[in-house]
Structures are given as structure tokens and as C-alpha cells.
Amino acid sequence: MMKIVLLALIVFVVMLSGGILLENIYPSISSLVLEIIMSIIAALIVIVFGILTNKKKN
């Protein structure tokens, strides 16, 4: 379970930093709040798939 949380944290940071970089290049694309929401959703998807694959192994 700790590996899943660590992977979700990595995905969150990568998505957020990519979104901030993209917003600095093209400021009219989206707001920072939208980037944070998308990063949280990506991290939750990683957690859900991690839990599902972990249950499948058992």
C-alpha cells in the first residue's frame, strides 16, 4: 500500500509541475486550480488501479 501512495504522490507532483510549466508558457490555457484538480484526479486514479491490482493478486 505504501508503494501505491508513493506512486500517487509522484504522479501528483509530475502532473502539477507540468501544468504549472504549461501555464507559464501559455497563460490562457487553464488556471492553477484546474491543474491542481487534474493532478488530484490523476493521483486518485493511480491509487484506485493500485488497490484493484493488489486485490487481484490476492
N, C-alpha and C. Protein backbone atom coordinates (compact mmCIF):
# COMPACT_ATOMS: atom_id res chain seq x y z
N MET A 1 0.82 -1.19 0.00
CA MET A 1 0.00 0.00 0.00
C MET A 1 0.87 1.26 0.00
N MET A 2 2.02 1.19 0.68
CA MET A 2 2.90 2.35 0.73
C MET A 2 3.46 2.68 -0.65
N LYS A 3 3.71 1.64 -1.46
CA LYS A 3 4.21 1.87 -2.82
C LYS A 3 3.16 2.59 -3.66
N ILE A 4 1.89 2.26 -3.45
CA ILE A 4 0.81 2.90 -4.20
C ILE A 4 0.72 4.38 -3.84
N VAL A 5 0.81 4.68 -2.55
CA VAL A 5 0.74 6.08 -2.11
C VAL A 5 1.94 6.86 -2.63
N LEU A 6 3.12 6.25 -2.62
CA LEU A 6 4.31 6.92 -3.13
C LEU A 6 4.19 7.18 -4.63
N LEU A 7 3.68 6.20 -5.36
CA LEU A 7 3.47 6.39 -6.80
C LEU A 7 2.44 7.47 -7.07
N ALA A 8 1.38 7.51 -6.28
CA ALA A 8 0.36 8.56 -6.45
C ALA A 8 0.94 9.94 -6.15
N LEU A 9 1.81 10.03 -5.16
CA LEU A 9 2.46 11.30 -4.85
C LEU A 9 3.37 11.75 -5.99
N ILE A 10 4.10 10.80 -6.58
CA ILE A 10 4.96 11.13 -7.71
C ILE A 10 4.13 11.61 -8.90
N VAL A 11 3.03 10.92 -9.18
CA VAL A 11 2.15 11.33 -10.28
C VAL A 11 1.58 12.71 -10.02
N PHE A 12 1.18 12.98 -8.78
CA PHE A 12 0.64 14.29 -8.43
C PHE A 12 1.66 15.40 -8.68
N VAL A 13 2.89 15.19 -8.23
CA VAL A 13 3.93 16.21 -8.38
C VAL A 13 4.28 16.42 -9.85
N VAL A 14 4.39 15.33 -10.61
CA VAL A 14 4.73 15.46 -12.03
C VAL A 14 3.62 16.17 -12.80
N MET A 15 2.37 15.79 -12.54
CA MET A 15 1.25 16.45 -13.23
C MET A 15 1.17 17.92 -12.86
N LEU A 16 1.38 18.23 -11.58
CA LEU A 16 1.28 19.62 -11.13
C LEU A 16 2.41 20.46 -11.70
N SER A 17 3.62 19.92 -11.69
CA SER A 17 4.74 20.70 -12.23
C SER A 17 4.61 20.89 -13.73
N GLY A 18 4.14 19.87 -14.43
CA GLY A 18 3.90 20.02 -15.87
C GLY A 18 2.81 21.03 -16.16
N GLY A 19 1.78 21.04 -15.36
CA GLY A 19 0.70 22.01 -15.54
C GLY A 19 1.15 23.43 -15.26
N ILE A 20 1.97 23.60 -14.23
CA ILE A 20 2.49 24.94 -13.92
C ILE A 20 3.42 25.42 -15.02
N LEU A 21 4.25 24.52 -15.54
CA LEU A 21 5.14 24.88 -16.64
C LEU A 21 4.35 25.26 -17.88
N LEU A 22 3.32 24.49 -18.17
CA LEU A 22 2.48 24.79 -19.34
C LEU A 22 1.75 26.12 -19.15
N GLU A 23 1.32 26.39 -17.92
CA GLU A 23 0.61 27.64 -17.67
C GLU A 23 1.54 28.85 -17.79
N ASN A 24 2.82 28.66 -17.45
CA ASN A 24 3.77 29.75 -17.62
C ASN A 24 4.04 30.03 -19.09
N ILE A 25 4.01 29.00 -19.92
CA ILE A 25 4.24 29.19 -21.36
C ILE A 25 3.00 29.75 -22.02
N TYR A 26 1.84 29.15 -21.75
CA TYR A 26 0.57 29.59 -22.32
C TYR A 26 -0.39 29.93 -21.19
N PRO A 27 -0.40 31.18 -20.71
CA PRO A 27 -1.22 31.50 -19.53
C PRO A 27 -2.73 31.44 -19.76
N SER A 28 -3.17 31.43 -21.00
CA SER A 28 -4.61 31.45 -21.24
C SER A 28 -5.23 30.05 -21.29
N ILE A 29 -4.43 28.99 -21.20
CA ILE A 29 -4.97 27.64 -21.34
C ILE A 29 -5.86 27.27 -20.14
N SER A 30 -5.34 27.35 -18.94
CA SER A 30 -6.14 26.98 -17.78
C SER A 30 -5.58 27.63 -16.53
N SER A 31 -6.33 27.54 -15.47
CA SER A 31 -5.90 28.16 -14.22
C SER A 31 -5.16 27.15 -13.35
N LEU A 32 -4.53 27.65 -12.33
CA LEU A 32 -3.77 26.80 -11.41
C LEU A 32 -4.70 25.87 -10.64
N VAL A 33 -5.89 26.33 -10.34
CA VAL A 33 -6.86 25.49 -9.61
C VAL A 33 -7.23 24.27 -10.44
N LEU A 34 -7.43 24.47 -11.73
CA LEU A 34 -7.74 23.35 -12.61
C LEU A 34 -6.59 22.36 -12.68
N GLU A 35 -5.36 22.86 -12.69
CA GLU A 35 -4.20 21.97 -12.70
C GLU A 35 -4.12 21.16 -11.41
N ILE A 36 -4.42 21.78 -10.28
CA ILE A 36 -4.40 21.05 -9.01
C ILE A 36 -5.48 19.97 -9.00
N ILE A 37 -6.67 20.30 -9.49
CA ILE A 37 -7.76 19.32 -9.55
C ILE A 37 -7.39 18.15 -10.45
N MET A 38 -6.80 18.45 -11.62
CA MET A 38 -6.40 17.37 -12.53
C MET A 38 -5.31 16.50 -11.91
N SER A 39 -4.39 17.10 -11.16
CA SER A 39 -3.33 16.34 -10.50
C SER A 39 -3.90 15.43 -9.42
N ILE A 40 -4.88 15.93 -8.67
CA ILE A 40 -5.51 15.11 -7.63
C ILE A 40 -6.27 13.94 -8.27
N ILE A 41 -6.97 14.20 -9.37
CA ILE A 41 -7.69 13.13 -10.06
C ILE A 41 -6.73 12.08 -10.58
N ALA A 42 -5.60 12.50 -11.14
CA ALA A 42 -4.60 11.54 -11.63
C ALA A 42 -4.05 10.70 -10.49
N ALA A 43 -3.79 11.32 -9.35
CA ALA A 43 -3.28 10.58 -8.19
C ALA A 43 -4.33 9.59 -7.68
N LEU A 44 -5.59 9.99 -7.67
CA LEU A 44 -6.66 9.08 -7.23
C LEU A 44 -6.81 7.90 -8.18
N ILE A 45 -6.65 8.14 -9.48
CA ILE A 45 -6.72 7.04 -10.45
C ILE A 45 -5.60 6.04 -10.19
N VAL A 46 -4.40 6.55 -9.89
CA VAL A 46 -3.28 5.65 -9.58
C VAL A 46 -3.58 4.83 -8.33
N ILE A 47 -4.16 5.46 -7.31
CA ILE A 47 -4.49 4.74 -6.08
C ILE A 47 -5.54 3.66 -6.35
N VAL A 48 -6.57 4.00 -7.12
CA VAL A 48 -7.63 3.03 -7.41
C VAL A 48 -7.09 1.84 -8.19
N PHE A 49 -6.31 2.10 -9.24
CA PHE A 49 -5.75 0.99 -10.01
C PHE A 49 -4.77 0.17 -9.18
N GLY A 50 -4.04 0.83 -8.28
CA GLY A 50 -3.13 0.09 -7.40
C GLY A 50 -3.88 -0.82 -6.45
N ILE A 51 -4.98 -0.35 -5.90
CA ILE A 51 -5.78 -1.18 -5.00
C ILE A 51 -6.42 -2.33 -5.76
N LEU A 52 -6.92 -2.05 -6.96
CA LEU A 52 -7.56 -3.12 -7.75
C LEU A 52 -6.57 -4.20 -8.14
N THR A 53 -5.36 -3.81 -8.56
CA THR A 53 -4.37 -4.82 -8.93
C THR A 53 -3.85 -5.56 -7.71
N ASN A 54 -3.82 -4.89 -6.57
CA ASN A 54 -3.38 -5.55 -5.35
C ASN A 54 -4.40 -6.59 -4.91
N LYS A 55 -5.69 -6.30 -5.06
CA LYS A 55 -6.73 -7.27 -4.72
C LYS A 55 -6.72 -8.44 -5.68
N LYS A 56 -6.37 -8.17 -6.94
CA LYS A 56 -6.35 -9.23 -7.94
C LYS A 56 -5.25 -10.26 -7.65
N LYS A 57 -4.14 -9.81 -7.06
CA LYS A 57 -3.04 -10.71 -6.75
C LYS A 57 -3.39 -11.64 -5.60
N ASN A 58 -4.24 -11.19 -4.68
CA ASN A 58 -4.57 -12.00 -3.50
C ASN A 58 -5.58 -13.05 -3.80
